N, C-alpha and C. Protein backbone atom coordinates (compact mmCIF):
# COMPACT_ATOMS: atom_id res chain seq x y z
N MET A 1 15.22 2.32 2.93
CA MET A 1 13.91 2.49 2.34
C MET A 1 12.90 1.54 2.98
N ASP A 2 13.36 0.33 3.36
CA ASP A 2 12.45 -0.63 4.01
C ASP A 2 11.84 -0.05 5.27
N SER A 3 12.63 0.70 6.05
CA SER A 3 12.11 1.25 7.29
C SER A 3 11.01 2.28 7.02
N ASN A 4 11.18 3.08 5.94
CA ASN A 4 10.12 4.02 5.56
C ASN A 4 8.85 3.29 5.15
N LEU A 5 9.03 2.22 4.39
CA LEU A 5 7.89 1.43 3.93
C LEU A 5 7.17 0.79 5.11
N LYS A 6 7.93 0.23 6.04
CA LYS A 6 7.33 -0.39 7.22
C LYS A 6 6.58 0.65 8.05
N ALA A 7 7.18 1.82 8.24
CA ALA A 7 6.55 2.88 9.03
C ALA A 7 5.27 3.36 8.35
N SER A 8 5.31 3.51 7.05
CA SER A 8 4.12 3.96 6.31
C SER A 8 3.02 2.92 6.39
N LEU A 9 3.37 1.65 6.26
CA LEU A 9 2.38 0.58 6.35
C LEU A 9 1.77 0.53 7.76
N LYS A 10 2.60 0.73 8.78
CA LYS A 10 2.10 0.74 10.15
C LYS A 10 1.14 1.90 10.37
N THR A 11 1.48 3.07 9.83
CA THR A 11 0.60 4.24 9.94
C THR A 11 -0.74 3.96 9.27
N LEU A 12 -0.68 3.35 8.10
CA LEU A 12 -1.91 3.02 7.38
C LEU A 12 -2.77 2.06 8.19
N HIS A 13 -2.16 1.03 8.79
CA HIS A 13 -2.91 0.07 9.61
C HIS A 13 -3.59 0.78 10.78
N THR A 14 -2.87 1.70 11.42
CA THR A 14 -3.42 2.44 12.55
C THR A 14 -4.62 3.29 12.12
N LYS A 15 -4.47 3.97 10.99
CA LYS A 15 -5.57 4.81 10.50
C LYS A 15 -6.76 3.96 10.05
N LEU A 16 -6.49 2.81 9.45
CA LEU A 16 -7.58 1.92 9.05
C LEU A 16 -8.37 1.43 10.26
N ALA A 17 -7.65 1.13 11.34
CA ALA A 17 -8.30 0.63 12.54
C ALA A 17 -9.26 1.65 13.13
N SER A 18 -8.95 2.93 12.97
CA SER A 18 -9.80 3.96 13.55
C SER A 18 -10.76 4.59 12.54
N ALA A 19 -10.73 4.15 11.30
CA ALA A 19 -11.53 4.78 10.25
C ALA A 19 -12.97 4.29 10.19
N GLY A 20 -13.26 3.20 10.83
CA GLY A 20 -14.61 2.66 10.73
C GLY A 20 -14.68 1.65 9.60
N PRO A 21 -15.89 1.23 9.25
CA PRO A 21 -16.03 0.19 8.23
C PRO A 21 -15.51 0.64 6.86
N VAL A 22 -14.88 -0.30 6.19
CA VAL A 22 -14.33 -0.04 4.86
C VAL A 22 -15.25 -0.69 3.83
N ASP A 23 -15.45 -0.02 2.74
CA ASP A 23 -16.29 -0.49 1.64
C ASP A 23 -15.91 -1.93 1.26
N GLU A 24 -16.91 -2.77 1.00
CA GLU A 24 -16.67 -4.18 0.67
C GLU A 24 -15.83 -4.35 -0.59
N GLU A 25 -15.91 -3.41 -1.51
CA GLU A 25 -15.11 -3.47 -2.73
C GLU A 25 -13.63 -3.21 -2.44
N LEU A 26 -13.36 -2.35 -1.45
CA LEU A 26 -11.99 -1.97 -1.15
C LEU A 26 -11.28 -2.94 -0.21
N GLN A 27 -12.03 -3.67 0.61
CA GLN A 27 -11.41 -4.59 1.56
C GLN A 27 -10.48 -5.59 0.89
N PRO A 28 -10.91 -6.31 -0.14
CA PRO A 28 -10.00 -7.27 -0.75
C PRO A 28 -8.80 -6.61 -1.43
N LEU A 29 -9.00 -5.41 -1.97
CA LEU A 29 -7.88 -4.69 -2.58
C LEU A 29 -6.82 -4.33 -1.54
N LEU A 30 -7.29 -3.88 -0.39
CA LEU A 30 -6.36 -3.53 0.69
C LEU A 30 -5.65 -4.76 1.23
N LYS A 31 -6.38 -5.85 1.39
CA LYS A 31 -5.76 -7.08 1.90
C LYS A 31 -4.70 -7.60 0.93
N GLN A 32 -5.00 -7.55 -0.37
CA GLN A 32 -4.03 -8.01 -1.37
C GLN A 32 -2.80 -7.10 -1.36
N LEU A 33 -3.03 -5.79 -1.31
CA LEU A 33 -1.92 -4.84 -1.28
C LEU A 33 -1.06 -5.06 -0.04
N ASP A 34 -1.70 -5.24 1.11
CA ASP A 34 -0.98 -5.47 2.35
C ASP A 34 -0.13 -6.75 2.26
N GLY A 35 -0.73 -7.81 1.75
CA GLY A 35 0.01 -9.07 1.60
C GLY A 35 1.18 -8.94 0.65
N ASP A 36 0.97 -8.24 -0.46
CA ASP A 36 2.05 -8.06 -1.44
C ASP A 36 3.20 -7.25 -0.86
N ILE A 37 2.88 -6.21 -0.09
CA ILE A 37 3.93 -5.39 0.52
C ILE A 37 4.67 -6.18 1.58
N LYS A 38 3.95 -6.94 2.39
CA LYS A 38 4.62 -7.77 3.40
C LYS A 38 5.52 -8.81 2.74
N GLN A 39 5.06 -9.38 1.62
CA GLN A 39 5.88 -10.34 0.88
C GLN A 39 7.13 -9.65 0.34
N LEU A 40 6.98 -8.45 -0.15
CA LEU A 40 8.11 -7.68 -0.65
C LEU A 40 9.12 -7.43 0.45
N LEU A 41 8.65 -7.05 1.63
CA LEU A 41 9.54 -6.79 2.75
C LEU A 41 10.25 -8.06 3.20
N THR A 42 9.56 -9.19 3.13
CA THR A 42 10.15 -10.45 3.53
C THR A 42 11.24 -10.91 2.57
N ARG A 43 10.95 -10.80 1.27
CA ARG A 43 11.89 -11.27 0.25
C ARG A 43 12.94 -10.25 -0.12
N GLY A 44 12.67 -9.00 0.15
CA GLY A 44 13.62 -7.95 -0.16
C GLY A 44 13.31 -7.25 -1.45
N GLU A 45 13.90 -6.10 -1.60
CA GLU A 45 13.67 -5.23 -2.75
C GLU A 45 14.14 -5.87 -4.05
N ALA A 46 15.13 -6.74 -3.99
CA ALA A 46 15.68 -7.35 -5.21
C ALA A 46 14.63 -8.14 -5.96
N ALA A 47 13.76 -8.84 -5.26
CA ALA A 47 12.73 -9.64 -5.92
C ALA A 47 11.80 -8.76 -6.74
N ALA A 48 11.49 -7.58 -6.25
CA ALA A 48 10.59 -6.69 -6.96
C ALA A 48 11.22 -6.14 -8.23
N THR A 49 12.50 -5.84 -8.16
CA THR A 49 13.16 -5.25 -9.32
C THR A 49 13.52 -6.30 -10.36
N GLU A 50 13.39 -7.57 -10.03
CA GLU A 50 13.67 -8.65 -10.99
C GLU A 50 12.44 -9.01 -11.79
N GLY A 51 11.38 -8.23 -11.68
CA GLY A 51 10.19 -8.47 -12.49
C GLY A 51 9.17 -9.40 -11.87
N ASP A 52 9.17 -9.54 -10.57
CA ASP A 52 8.18 -10.36 -9.87
C ASP A 52 6.79 -9.82 -10.18
N THR A 53 5.91 -10.67 -10.70
CA THR A 53 4.58 -10.20 -11.10
C THR A 53 3.70 -9.85 -9.91
N THR A 54 3.97 -10.40 -8.74
CA THR A 54 3.17 -10.09 -7.56
C THR A 54 3.40 -8.66 -7.11
N THR A 55 4.63 -8.20 -7.19
CA THR A 55 4.94 -6.86 -6.71
C THR A 55 4.95 -5.82 -7.82
N TYR A 56 4.88 -6.25 -9.06
CA TYR A 56 4.88 -5.31 -10.17
C TYR A 56 3.66 -4.40 -10.10
N GLY A 57 3.90 -3.11 -10.17
CA GLY A 57 2.79 -2.16 -10.17
C GLY A 57 2.21 -1.86 -8.81
N LEU A 58 2.91 -2.19 -7.74
CA LEU A 58 2.38 -1.91 -6.40
C LEU A 58 2.13 -0.42 -6.21
N ALA A 59 3.03 0.41 -6.70
CA ALA A 59 2.85 1.86 -6.55
C ALA A 59 1.58 2.31 -7.26
N GLU A 60 1.38 1.81 -8.47
CA GLU A 60 0.18 2.20 -9.23
C GLU A 60 -1.09 1.70 -8.56
N ARG A 61 -1.05 0.45 -8.08
CA ARG A 61 -2.24 -0.09 -7.39
C ARG A 61 -2.54 0.70 -6.13
N THR A 62 -1.49 1.10 -5.42
CA THR A 62 -1.68 1.90 -4.21
C THR A 62 -2.33 3.23 -4.54
N GLN A 63 -1.88 3.86 -5.63
CA GLN A 63 -2.45 5.14 -6.04
C GLN A 63 -3.92 4.98 -6.45
N GLU A 64 -4.24 3.88 -7.12
CA GLU A 64 -5.63 3.63 -7.52
C GLU A 64 -6.53 3.46 -6.30
N ILE A 65 -6.06 2.69 -5.32
CA ILE A 65 -6.83 2.49 -4.09
C ILE A 65 -6.97 3.82 -3.36
N SER A 66 -5.90 4.61 -3.35
CA SER A 66 -5.92 5.91 -2.70
C SER A 66 -7.01 6.80 -3.30
N ALA A 67 -7.12 6.78 -4.61
CA ALA A 67 -8.14 7.59 -5.29
C ALA A 67 -9.55 7.13 -4.89
N LYS A 68 -9.75 5.82 -4.75
CA LYS A 68 -11.05 5.31 -4.35
C LYS A 68 -11.38 5.68 -2.91
N PHE A 69 -10.36 5.72 -2.06
CA PHE A 69 -10.56 6.05 -0.66
C PHE A 69 -10.80 7.53 -0.44
N ALA A 70 -10.31 8.37 -1.34
CA ALA A 70 -10.36 9.81 -1.15
C ALA A 70 -11.78 10.31 -0.86
N ALA A 71 -12.76 9.76 -1.54
CA ALA A 71 -14.14 10.21 -1.36
C ALA A 71 -14.76 9.68 -0.06
N GLN A 72 -14.55 8.39 0.22
CA GLN A 72 -15.21 7.76 1.36
C GLN A 72 -14.45 7.92 2.67
N HIS A 73 -13.14 7.90 2.60
CA HIS A 73 -12.30 7.97 3.81
C HIS A 73 -11.16 8.96 3.58
N PRO A 74 -11.46 10.25 3.56
CA PRO A 74 -10.42 11.23 3.24
C PRO A 74 -9.25 11.22 4.21
N GLN A 75 -9.45 10.75 5.43
CA GLN A 75 -8.37 10.71 6.40
C GLN A 75 -7.34 9.62 6.07
N LEU A 76 -7.72 8.63 5.26
CA LEU A 76 -6.82 7.55 4.89
C LEU A 76 -6.02 7.85 3.62
N GLU A 77 -6.55 8.71 2.80
CA GLU A 77 -5.94 8.99 1.51
C GLU A 77 -4.48 9.45 1.61
N PRO A 78 -4.13 10.36 2.54
CA PRO A 78 -2.72 10.77 2.63
C PRO A 78 -1.76 9.61 2.96
N ALA A 79 -2.19 8.70 3.81
CA ALA A 79 -1.34 7.56 4.17
C ALA A 79 -1.14 6.64 2.97
N LEU A 80 -2.20 6.41 2.21
CA LEU A 80 -2.08 5.58 1.01
C LEU A 80 -1.23 6.27 -0.05
N ARG A 81 -1.39 7.58 -0.18
CA ARG A 81 -0.59 8.32 -1.16
C ARG A 81 0.89 8.25 -0.80
N GLU A 82 1.21 8.39 0.49
CA GLU A 82 2.60 8.31 0.95
C GLU A 82 3.17 6.92 0.66
N LEU A 83 2.38 5.90 0.93
CA LEU A 83 2.81 4.53 0.66
C LEU A 83 3.11 4.35 -0.83
N GLY A 84 2.24 4.87 -1.67
CA GLY A 84 2.46 4.79 -3.12
C GLY A 84 3.71 5.52 -3.55
N THR A 85 3.98 6.65 -2.95
CA THR A 85 5.17 7.43 -3.27
C THR A 85 6.44 6.67 -2.89
N ILE A 86 6.42 6.04 -1.73
CA ILE A 86 7.57 5.24 -1.29
C ILE A 86 7.81 4.09 -2.24
N LEU A 87 6.74 3.38 -2.61
CA LEU A 87 6.87 2.26 -3.53
C LEU A 87 7.39 2.72 -4.90
N ALA A 88 6.88 3.85 -5.37
CA ALA A 88 7.33 4.37 -6.67
C ALA A 88 8.80 4.74 -6.62
N SER A 89 9.25 5.32 -5.51
CA SER A 89 10.66 5.69 -5.40
C SER A 89 11.57 4.47 -5.33
N MET A 90 10.98 3.33 -4.92
CA MET A 90 11.75 2.07 -4.89
C MET A 90 11.74 1.41 -6.26
N GLY A 91 10.95 1.97 -7.19
CA GLY A 91 10.86 1.39 -8.52
C GLY A 91 9.94 0.20 -8.60
N ILE A 92 8.99 0.15 -7.70
CA ILE A 92 8.09 -1.01 -7.63
C ILE A 92 6.74 -0.67 -8.21
């Protein structure tokens, strides 16, 4: 599952790089989400399932960000949705 998560995160980074400027409200949300996912990958899935508050709700936060992006950056929304689906399937 980690490889799927890493691949999805890499795809999202690539699409973000080519998407143009990101709304100032969404930038910090994306940075926090990115940091939390990288932390999860570093510490492993076990930390997330043990109730770590940093990673709790990552799937839901990803879906919320995806909804905000849908209007302004429709090309990014599928990548965020996929990321959220992967996180949800991991129980995060």
